[in-house]
Amino acid sequence: MDKNFWYLKNCDLFERLSQDQIAHVERNSSVRNFARGNMVYLPTESSDSVYLLLSGRIKLYHLTSEGKQALLALIEPGELFGELAILGGGEREEYAEAMLKASILRIPGQIIQDLMEHHATVSLGVTKLMGLRRQRIEQRLKSLLFRSNRDRLTHLLLELAEKYGRFTNEGVLINIKLSHQELASIIGSTRETVTVLLGELQDERSIDIQKRHIILRKARYLAHSIDFKLTPAFQSKPDQSGEFILRGAEA
C-alpha cells in the first residue's frame, strides 16, 4: 500500500474495507499539495470529487454580503470534506482554503457512491458525516444571527475546546493557534472587538492566554453562561474555581 494513502485505512469511513477495495480507491485517487492560503475549491465549481485531508488544516466558509468570512468548519487530517459530490454533483456552495500547508487526497465522488451501494458501514458513515456537519453549520449560523459578540466568541472557544482541548493543571488548553483576526472572521466580528473581549475574559480569570494558546480556566461556567451543552468528558473534570462555577450555576 502506498505510504501516501495510509490515512484511507485509518479513516473511520474506510476502516472496514478490504485491501482490494482500498487499492481500488487508491488507483482512482490522486494527491495534491496546497500552500498556506491556497484555495482548494471555490463556490460554483463542479463538485465531482470528495477530499480526504492527509496533513495540514482546511477551513470551509461562506462570504457574507459585507464580504466577511463566516466559518462553516475546520478540517483536520483524517477528515473528509466536499461531500456534496456524494449526492450527485452540482456546484460547490462554500470556499475551501488551506490554513496550513496541506496535502489532500482527491477521491472521485462516483467511487464513494459505489462503496455506499455495497457497504452499509460506508453508507451509514457518510450519512452521519453529512448530518453532523449540517447540524454544526446550523448551530453556528444561529449563533451568528442571535448572539452578542461576546456570546459568539464564548461559543467558539467552547467548540474549539471540545475539538482541540487538552486538560492541564491550569484548565482546558485549546491546542490550536488562531490569530485574533482569524477568531474574528469565524464569528463575523472585527479583530479589535475580539481583542477587547479576550481581555475582558482574562480580567475575569475565565481564560488565560499563553503564547497565542488559550486556556479555559472555567469551561463549565462559560458553558452555563450561554447555555452550551458540554460533552460528558468536560462534566467529569473540575474547573479551576468550583465556587465560582457553583455561583454561576445558581444564577
C-alpha atoms as a PDB file:
ATOM      1  CA  MET A   1       0.000   0.000   0.000  1.00  0.00           C
ATOM      2  CA  ASP A   2       1.333   3.427  -0.957  1.00  0.00           C
ATOM      3  CA  LYS A   3       2.544   5.296   2.107  1.00  0.00           C
ATOM      4  CA  ASN A   4       0.605   8.369   0.932  1.00  0.00           C
ATOM      5  CA  PHE A   5      -2.678   6.533   1.430  1.00  0.00           C
ATOM      6  CA  TRP A   6      -2.359   5.066   4.912  1.00  0.00           C
ATOM      7  CA  TYR A   7      -4.997   7.563   6.034  1.00  0.00           C
ATOM      8  CA  LEU A   8      -7.520   5.602   3.985  1.00  0.00           C
ATOM      9  CA  LYS A   9      -7.267   2.646   6.331  1.00  0.00           C
ATOM     10  CA  ASN A  10      -7.199   4.895   9.401  1.00  0.00           C
ATOM     11  CA  CYS A  11     -10.220   6.926   8.290  1.00  0.00           C
ATOM     12  CA  ASP A  12     -13.377   5.732  10.068  1.00  0.00           C
ATOM     13  CA  LEU A  13     -15.237   5.640   6.772  1.00  0.00           C
ATOM     14  CA  PHE A  14     -12.854   3.156   5.152  1.00  0.00           C
ATOM     15  CA  GLU A  15     -11.545   1.137   8.103  1.00  0.00           C
ATOM     16  CA  ARG A  16     -13.651  -1.956   7.289  1.00  0.00           C
ATOM     17  CA  LEU A  17     -12.781  -2.111   3.601  1.00  0.00           C
ATOM     18  CA  SER A  18     -10.688  -4.966   2.280  1.00  0.00           C
ATOM     19  CA  GLN A  19      -7.173  -4.491   0.907  1.00  0.00           C
ATOM     20  CA  ASP A  20      -8.532  -4.882  -2.642  1.00  0.00           C
ATOM     21  CA  GLN A  21     -11.155  -2.219  -2.053  1.00  0.00           C
ATOM     22  CA  ILE A  22      -8.575   0.165  -0.550  1.00  0.00           C
ATOM     23  CA  ALA A  23      -6.339  -0.484  -3.566  1.00  0.00           C
ATOM     24  CA  HIS A  24      -9.240   0.347  -5.892  1.00  0.00           C
ATOM     25  CA  VAL A  25      -9.783   3.687  -4.150  1.00  0.00           C
ATOM     26  CA  GLU A  26      -6.045   4.379  -4.361  1.00  0.00           C
ATOM     27  CA  ARG A  27      -5.831   3.679  -8.089  1.00  0.00           C
ATOM     28  CA  ASN A  28      -8.609   6.133  -8.827  1.00  0.00           C
ATOM     29  CA  SER A  29      -7.478   8.883  -6.447  1.00  0.00           C
ATOM     30  CA  SER A  30      -4.693  11.458  -6.562  1.00  0.00           C
ATOM     31  CA  VAL A  31      -2.735  13.552  -4.070  1.00  0.00           C
ATOM     32  CA  ARG A  32      -2.498  17.336  -4.370  1.00  0.00           C
ATOM     33  CA  ASN A  33      -0.444  19.727  -2.256  1.00  0.00           C
ATOM     34  CA  PHE A  34      -1.527  23.252  -1.310  1.00  0.00           C
ATOM     35  CA  ALA A  35       0.472  26.094   0.191  1.00  0.00           C
ATOM     36  CA  ARG A  36      -0.996  28.072   3.076  1.00  0.00           C
ATOM     37  CA  GLY A  37      -3.684  30.426   1.778  1.00  0.00           C
ATOM     38  CA  ASN A  38      -4.272  28.483  -1.450  1.00  0.00           C
ATOM     39  CA  MET A  39      -7.853  27.673  -2.433  1.00  0.00           C
ATOM     40  CA  VAL A  40      -8.809  24.026  -2.736  1.00  0.00           C
ATOM     41  CA  TYR A  41     -12.093  24.924  -4.412  1.00  0.00           C
ATOM     42  CA  LEU A  42     -14.494  27.844  -4.869  1.00  0.00           C
ATOM     43  CA  PRO A  43     -18.281  28.182  -4.942  1.00  0.00           C
ATOM     44  CA  THR A  44     -19.831  27.419  -8.352  1.00  0.00           C
ATOM     45  CA  GLU A  45     -17.096  24.872  -9.146  1.00  0.00           C
ATOM     46  CA  SER A  46     -18.302  21.407 -10.102  1.00  0.00           C
ATOM     47  CA  SER A  47     -18.495  19.091  -7.080  1.00  0.00           C
ATOM     48  CA  ASP A  48     -17.390  15.851  -8.676  1.00  0.00           C
ATOM     49  CA  SER A  49     -14.850  14.825  -6.007  1.00  0.00           C
ATOM     50  CA  VAL A  50     -14.585  14.207  -2.282  1.00  0.00           C
ATOM     51  CA  TYR A  51     -11.418  15.193  -0.406  1.00  0.00           C
ATOM     52  CA  LEU A  52      -9.552  13.462   2.418  1.00  0.00           C
ATOM     53  CA  LEU A  53      -7.111  15.696   4.279  1.00  0.00           C
ATOM     54  CA  LEU A  54      -3.773  13.924   4.776  1.00  0.00           C
ATOM     55  CA  SER A  55      -1.898  16.747   6.518  1.00  0.00           C
ATOM     56  CA  GLY A  56      -2.380  20.420   7.346  1.00  0.00           C
ATOM     57  CA  ARG A  57      -5.683  22.170   8.068  1.00  0.00           C
ATOM     58  CA  ILE A  58      -8.533  23.354   5.822  1.00  0.00           C
ATOM     59  CA  LYS A  59     -11.248  25.891   6.569  1.00  0.00           C
ATOM     60  CA  LEU A  60     -14.644  25.862   4.911  1.00  0.00           C
ATOM     61  CA  TYR A  61     -16.504  29.168   4.809  1.00  0.00           C
ATOM     62  CA  HIS A  62     -19.061  31.402   3.115  1.00  0.00           C
ATOM     63  CA  LEU A  63     -18.679  35.107   2.382  1.00  0.00           C
ATOM     64  CA  THR A  64     -21.397  37.373   3.765  1.00  0.00           C
ATOM     65  CA  SER A  65     -22.936  40.216   1.764  1.00  0.00           C
ATOM     66  CA  GLU A  66     -20.481  42.520   3.584  1.00  0.00           C
ATOM     67  CA  GLY A  67     -17.550  40.421   2.378  1.00  0.00           C
ATOM     68  CA  LYS A  68     -16.821  38.881   5.804  1.00  0.00           C
ATOM     69  CA  GLN A  69     -15.967  35.219   6.229  1.00  0.00           C
ATOM     70  CA  ALA A  70     -18.482  33.010   8.007  1.00  0.00           C
ATOM     71  CA  LEU A  71     -16.673  29.842   9.009  1.00  0.00           C
ATOM     72  CA  LEU A  72     -18.509  26.550   8.500  1.00  0.00           C
ATOM     73  CA  ALA A  73     -15.897  24.037   9.639  1.00  0.00           C
ATOM     74  CA  LEU A  74     -12.224  23.420  10.358  1.00  0.00           C
ATOM     75  CA  ILE A  75     -10.998  20.195   8.752  1.00  0.00           C
ATOM     76  CA  GLU A  76      -8.189  18.182  10.351  1.00  0.00           C
ATOM     77  CA  PRO A  77      -6.085  15.263   8.984  1.00  0.00           C
ATOM     78  CA  GLY A  78      -8.156  12.127   8.515  1.00  0.00           C
ATOM     79  CA  GLU A  79     -11.390  14.043   7.835  1.00  0.00           C
ATOM     80  CA  LEU A  80     -13.415  14.108   4.622  1.00  0.00           C
ATOM     81  CA  PHE A  81     -14.843  17.287   3.122  1.00  0.00           C
ATOM     82  CA  GLY A  82     -16.557  18.374  -0.074  1.00  0.00           C
ATOM     83  CA  GLU A  83     -19.085  15.589   0.463  1.00  0.00           C
ATOM     84  CA  LEU A  84     -21.739  17.256  -1.731  1.00  0.00           C
ATOM     85  CA  ALA A  85     -20.238  15.243  -4.603  1.00  0.00           C
ATOM     86  CA  ILE A  86     -21.629  12.092  -2.969  1.00  0.00           C
ATOM     87  CA  LEU A  87     -25.150  13.358  -3.640  1.00  0.00           C
ATOM     88  CA  GLY A  88     -24.574  13.528  -7.359  1.00  0.00           C
ATOM     89  CA  GLY A  89     -22.519  16.616  -8.062  1.00  0.00           C
ATOM     90  CA  GLY A  90     -23.857  20.086  -8.699  1.00  0.00           C
ATOM     91  CA  GLU A  91     -21.938  23.221  -7.773  1.00  0.00           C
ATOM     92  CA  ARG A  92     -19.923  23.822  -4.631  1.00  0.00           C
ATOM     93  CA  GLU A  93     -21.598  26.034  -2.041  1.00  0.00           C
ATOM     94  CA  GLU A  94     -18.592  27.141   0.010  1.00  0.00           C
ATOM     95  CA  TYR A  95     -14.925  28.109  -0.123  1.00  0.00           C
ATOM     96  CA  ALA A  96     -12.254  25.605   0.950  1.00  0.00           C
ATOM     97  CA  GLU A  97      -8.913  27.211   1.834  1.00  0.00           C
ATOM     98  CA  ALA A  98      -5.664  25.797   3.227  1.00  0.00           C
ATOM     99  CA  MET A  99      -5.000  27.363   6.642  1.00  0.00           C
ATOM    100  CA  LEU A 100      -1.686  25.496   6.778  1.00  0.00           C
ATOM    101  CA  LYS A 101       0.414  23.792   4.129  1.00  0.00           C
ATOM    102  CA  ALA A 102      -1.802  20.855   3.204  1.00  0.00           C
ATOM    103  CA  SER A 103      -1.707  17.516   1.414  1.00  0.00           C
ATOM    104  CA  ILE A 104      -5.084  16.296   0.160  1.00  0.00           C
ATOM    105  CA  LEU A 105      -6.328  13.087  -1.404  1.00  0.00           C
ATOM    106  CA  ARG A 106      -8.876  13.708  -4.161  1.00  0.00           C
ATOM    107  CA  ILE A 107     -11.386  10.841  -4.448  1.00  0.00           C
ATOM    108  CA  PRO A 108     -13.924  10.792  -7.327  1.00  0.00           C
ATOM    109  CA  GLY A 109     -17.465  11.050  -5.982  1.00  0.00           C
ATOM    110  CA  GLN A 110     -18.532   8.022  -8.029  1.00  0.00           C
ATOM    111  CA  ILE A 111     -16.070   5.845  -6.100  1.00  0.00           C
ATOM    112  CA  ILE A 112     -17.738   6.781  -2.790  1.00  0.00           C
ATOM    113  CA  GLN A 113     -21.202   6.232  -4.290  1.00  0.00           C
ATOM    114  CA  ASP A 114     -20.201   2.720  -5.438  1.00  0.00           C
ATOM    115  CA  LEU A 115     -18.877   1.888  -1.970  1.00  0.00           C
ATOM    116  CA  MET A 116     -22.088   3.138  -0.372  1.00  0.00           C
ATOM    117  CA  GLU A 117     -24.143   0.831  -2.582  1.00  0.00           C
ATOM    118  CA  HIS A 118     -22.215  -2.255  -1.462  1.00  0.00           C
ATOM    119  CA  HIS A 119     -21.230  -1.456   2.140  1.00  0.00           C
ATOM    120  CA  ALA A 120     -23.743  -0.473   4.790  1.00  0.00           C
ATOM    121  CA  THR A 121     -20.974   0.818   7.087  1.00  0.00           C
ATOM    122  CA  VAL A 122     -19.765   3.263   4.422  1.00  0.00           C
ATOM    123  CA  SER A 123     -23.306   4.421   3.697  1.00  0.00           C
ATOM    124  CA  LEU A 124     -24.027   4.924   7.404  1.00  0.00           C
ATOM    125  CA  GLY A 125     -20.723   6.725   7.906  1.00  0.00           C
ATOM    126  CA  VAL A 126     -21.392   9.156   5.068  1.00  0.00           C
ATOM    127  CA  THR A 127     -24.919   9.815   6.346  1.00  0.00           C
ATOM    128  CA  LYS A 128     -23.605  10.539   9.859  1.00  0.00           C
ATOM    129  CA  LEU A 129     -20.853  12.789   8.492  1.00  0.00           C
ATOM    130  CA  MET A 130     -23.282  14.882   6.475  1.00  0.00           C
ATOM    131  CA  GLY A 131     -25.829  15.036   9.281  1.00  0.00           C
ATOM    132  CA  LEU A 132     -23.325  16.114  11.940  1.00  0.00           C
ATOM    133  CA  ARG A 133     -21.740  18.719   9.673  1.00  0.00           C
ATOM    134  CA  ARG A 134     -25.142  20.130   8.751  1.00  0.00           C
ATOM    135  CA  GLN A 135     -26.093  20.282  12.438  1.00  0.00           C
ATOM    136  CA  ARG A 136     -22.892  22.126  13.338  1.00  0.00           C
ATOM    137  CA  ILE A 137     -23.350  24.595  10.492  1.00  0.00           C
ATOM    138  CA  GLU A 138     -26.921  25.327  11.564  1.00  0.00           C
ATOM    139  CA  GLN A 139     -25.813  25.835  15.179  1.00  0.00           C
ATOM    140  CA  ARG A 140     -23.059  28.215  14.093  1.00  0.00           C
ATOM    141  CA  LEU A 141     -25.373  30.224  11.853  1.00  0.00           C
ATOM    142  CA  LYS A 142     -27.908  30.520  14.683  1.00  0.00           C
ATOM    143  CA  SER A 143     -25.103  31.723  16.925  1.00  0.00           C
ATOM    144  CA  LEU A 144     -24.115  34.371  14.382  1.00  0.00           C
ATOM    145  CA  LEU A 145     -27.684  35.572  13.960  1.00  0.00           C
ATOM    146  CA  PHE A 146     -28.957  35.721  17.534  1.00  0.00           C
ATOM    147  CA  ARG A 147     -25.993  36.131  19.894  1.00  0.00           C
ATOM    148  CA  SER A 148     -23.841  39.046  21.004  1.00  0.00           C
ATOM    149  CA  ASN A 149     -20.172  39.223  20.000  1.00  0.00           C
ATOM    150  CA  ARG A 150     -19.153  38.023  23.460  1.00  0.00           C
ATOM    151  CA  ASP A 151     -21.524  35.055  23.380  1.00  0.00           C
ATOM    152  CA  ARG A 152     -20.393  34.121  19.866  1.00  0.00           C
ATOM    153  CA  LEU A 153     -16.755  34.214  20.954  1.00  0.00           C
ATOM    154  CA  THR A 154     -17.519  32.140  24.064  1.00  0.00           C
ATOM    155  CA  HIS A 155     -19.420  29.620  21.932  1.00  0.00           C
ATOM    156  CA  LEU A 156     -16.469  29.357  19.549  1.00  0.00           C
ATOM    157  CA  LEU A 157     -13.928  28.872  22.361  1.00  0.00           C
ATOM    158  CA  LEU A 158     -16.023  26.051  23.794  1.00  0.00           C
ATOM    159  CA  GLU A 159     -16.362  24.420  20.374  1.00  0.00           C
ATOM    160  CA  LEU A 160     -12.604  24.621  19.872  1.00  0.00           C
ATOM    161  CA  ALA A 161     -12.031  23.230  23.367  1.00  0.00           C
ATOM    162  CA  GLU A 162     -14.194  20.205  22.587  1.00  0.00           C
ATOM    163  CA  LYS A 163     -12.323  19.510  19.344  1.00  0.00           C
ATOM    164  CA  TYR A 164      -8.772  20.542  20.272  1.00  0.00           C
ATOM    165  CA  GLY A 165      -8.874  20.718  24.080  1.00  0.00           C
ATOM    166  CA  ARG A 166      -6.330  19.114  26.383  1.00  0.00           C
ATOM    167  CA  PHE A 167      -6.789  19.088  30.158  1.00  0.00           C
ATOM    168  CA  THR A 168      -3.945  20.715  32.123  1.00  0.00           C
ATOM    169  CA  ASN A 169      -3.437  21.874  35.713  1.00  0.00           C
ATOM    170  CA  GLU A 170      -4.477  25.398  34.646  1.00  0.00           C
ATOM    171  CA  GLY A 171      -7.625  24.375  32.773  1.00  0.00           C
ATOM    172  CA  VAL A 172      -8.533  23.251  29.253  1.00  0.00           C
ATOM    173  CA  LEU A 173      -5.790  24.157  26.797  1.00  0.00           C
ATOM    174  CA  ILE A 174      -7.107  24.825  23.266  1.00  0.00           C
ATOM    175  CA  ASN A 175      -4.309  23.186  21.335  1.00  0.00           C
ATOM    176  CA  ILE A 176      -4.662  25.215  18.130  1.00  0.00           C
ATOM    177  CA  LYS A 177      -3.210  28.643  17.377  1.00  0.00           C
ATOM    178  CA  LEU A 178      -5.635  31.134  15.839  1.00  0.00           C
ATOM    179  CA  SER A 179      -4.945  34.846  15.471  1.00  0.00           C
ATOM    180  CA  HIS A 180      -7.390  37.468  16.721  1.00  0.00           C
ATOM    181  CA  GLN A 181      -8.251  38.172  13.084  1.00  0.00           C
ATOM    182  CA  GLU A 182      -8.986  34.502  12.422  1.00  0.00           C
ATOM    183  CA  LEU A 183     -11.203  34.303  15.515  1.00  0.00           C
ATOM    184  CA  ALA A 184     -12.990  37.472  14.357  1.00  0.00           C
ATOM    185  CA  SER A 185     -13.555  36.015  10.887  1.00  0.00           C
ATOM    186  CA  ILE A 186     -15.075  32.889  12.359  1.00  0.00           C
ATOM    187  CA  ILE A 187     -17.627  34.752  14.489  1.00  0.00           C
ATOM    188  CA  GLY A 188     -18.325  37.530  11.981  1.00  0.00           C
ATOM    189  CA  SER A 189     -16.776  40.307  14.067  1.00  0.00           C
ATOM    190  CA  THR A 190     -13.676  42.522  13.956  1.00  0.00           C
ATOM    191  CA  ARG A 191     -10.145  41.930  15.237  1.00  0.00           C
ATOM    192  CA  GLU A 192     -10.439  44.920  17.584  1.00  0.00           C
ATOM    193  CA  THR A 193     -13.644  43.599  19.149  1.00  0.00           C
ATOM    194  CA  VAL A 194     -12.167  40.126  19.682  1.00  0.00           C
ATOM    195  CA  THR A 195      -9.074  41.618  21.313  1.00  0.00           C
ATOM    196  CA  VAL A 196     -11.247  43.589  23.760  1.00  0.00           C
ATOM    197  CA  LEU A 197     -13.449  40.575  24.570  1.00  0.00           C
ATOM    198  CA  LEU A 198     -10.479  38.277  25.169  1.00  0.00           C
ATOM    199  CA  GLY A 199      -9.067  40.914  27.507  1.00  0.00           C
ATOM    200  CA  GLU A 200     -12.336  41.023  29.440  1.00  0.00           C
ATOM    201  CA  LEU A 201     -12.403  37.234  29.777  1.00  0.00           C
ATOM    202  CA  GLN A 202      -8.805  37.299  31.003  1.00  0.00           C
ATOM    203  CA  ASP A 203      -9.600  40.014  33.562  1.00  0.00           C
ATOM    204  CA  GLU A 204     -12.438  37.837  34.853  1.00  0.00           C
ATOM    205  CA  ARG A 205      -9.972  34.898  35.033  1.00  0.00           C
ATOM    206  CA  SER A 206     -12.259  32.827  32.826  1.00  0.00           C
ATOM    207  CA  ILE A 207      -9.376  32.305  30.384  1.00  0.00           C
ATOM    208  CA  ASP A 208      -5.592  32.671  30.176  1.00  0.00           C
ATOM    209  CA  ILE A 209      -3.627  33.384  27.011  1.00  0.00           C
ATOM    210  CA  GLN A 210      -0.106  31.997  26.772  1.00  0.00           C
ATOM    211  CA  LYS A 211       1.913  32.278  23.544  1.00  0.00           C
ATOM    212  CA  ARG A 212      -1.252  32.526  21.400  1.00  0.00           C
ATOM    213  CA  HIS A 213      -2.717  29.463  23.116  1.00  0.00           C
ATOM    214  CA  ILE A 214      -5.961  29.970  25.041  1.00  0.00           C
ATOM    215  CA  ILE A 215      -6.658  28.109  28.293  1.00  0.00           C
ATOM    216  CA  LEU A 216     -10.239  27.915  29.537  1.00  0.00           C
ATOM    217  CA  ARG A 217      -9.991  28.153  33.320  1.00  0.00           C
ATOM    218  CA  LYS A 218     -13.769  27.965  33.830  1.00  0.00           C
ATOM    219  CA  ALA A 219     -15.146  25.959  30.927  1.00  0.00           C
ATOM    220  CA  ARG A 220     -18.323  24.882  32.725  1.00  0.00           C
ATOM    221  CA  TYR A 221     -19.075  28.393  33.924  1.00  0.00           C
ATOM    222  CA  LEU A 222     -18.636  29.760  30.389  1.00  0.00           C
ATOM    223  CA  ALA A 223     -20.866  26.993  29.024  1.00  0.00           C
ATOM    224  CA  HIS A 224     -23.564  27.783  31.570  1.00  0.00           C
ATOM    225  CA  SER A 225     -23.417  31.486  30.693  1.00  0.00           C
ATOM    226  CA  ILE A 226     -24.518  30.807  27.103  1.00  0.00           C
ATOM    227  CA  ASP A 227     -26.486  27.563  27.646  1.00  0.00           C
ATOM    228  CA  PHE A 228     -23.860  25.495  25.814  1.00  0.00           C
ATOM    229  CA  LYS A 229     -24.148  21.744  26.407  1.00  0.00           C
ATOM    230  CA  LEU A 230     -20.717  20.314  27.128  1.00  0.00           C
ATOM    231  CA  THR A 231     -19.751  16.745  26.305  1.00  0.00           C
ATOM    232  CA  PRO A 232     -19.636  14.243  29.206  1.00  0.00           C
ATOM    233  CA  ALA A 233     -15.806  14.439  29.234  1.00  0.00           C
ATOM    234  CA  PHE A 234     -15.990  18.017  30.475  1.00  0.00           C
ATOM    235  CA  GLN A 235     -18.587  17.225  33.120  1.00  0.00           C
ATOM    236  CA  SER A 236     -16.165  14.898  34.905  1.00  0.00           C
ATOM    237  CA  LYS A 237     -13.283  17.384  35.036  1.00  0.00           C
ATOM    238  CA  PRO A 238     -13.047  20.116  37.682  1.00  0.00           C
ATOM    239  CA  ASP A 239     -12.611  23.757  36.721  1.00  0.00           C
ATOM    240  CA  GLN A 240     -10.120  25.969  38.497  1.00  0.00           C
ATOM    241  CA  SER A 241     -12.781  27.617  40.643  1.00  0.00           C
ATOM    242  CA  GLY A 242     -15.567  25.307  41.711  1.00  0.00           C
ATOM    243  CA  GLU A 243     -17.034  28.007  43.945  1.00  0.00           C
ATOM    244  CA  PHE A 244     -17.322  30.393  41.014  1.00  0.00           C
ATOM    245  CA  ILE A 245     -18.979  27.681  38.908  1.00  0.00           C
ATOM    246  CA  LEU A 246     -21.477  26.985  41.686  1.00  0.00           C
ATOM    247  CA  ARG A 247     -22.456  30.663  41.881  1.00  0.00           C
ATOM    248  CA  GLY A 248     -22.789  30.748  38.081  1.00  0.00           C
ATOM    249  CA  ALA A 249     -24.967  27.637  38.101  1.00  0.00           C
ATOM    250  CA  GLU A 250     -27.269  29.220  40.689  1.00  0.00           C
ATOM    251  CA  ALA A 251     -27.616  32.447  38.740  1.00  0.00           C
END
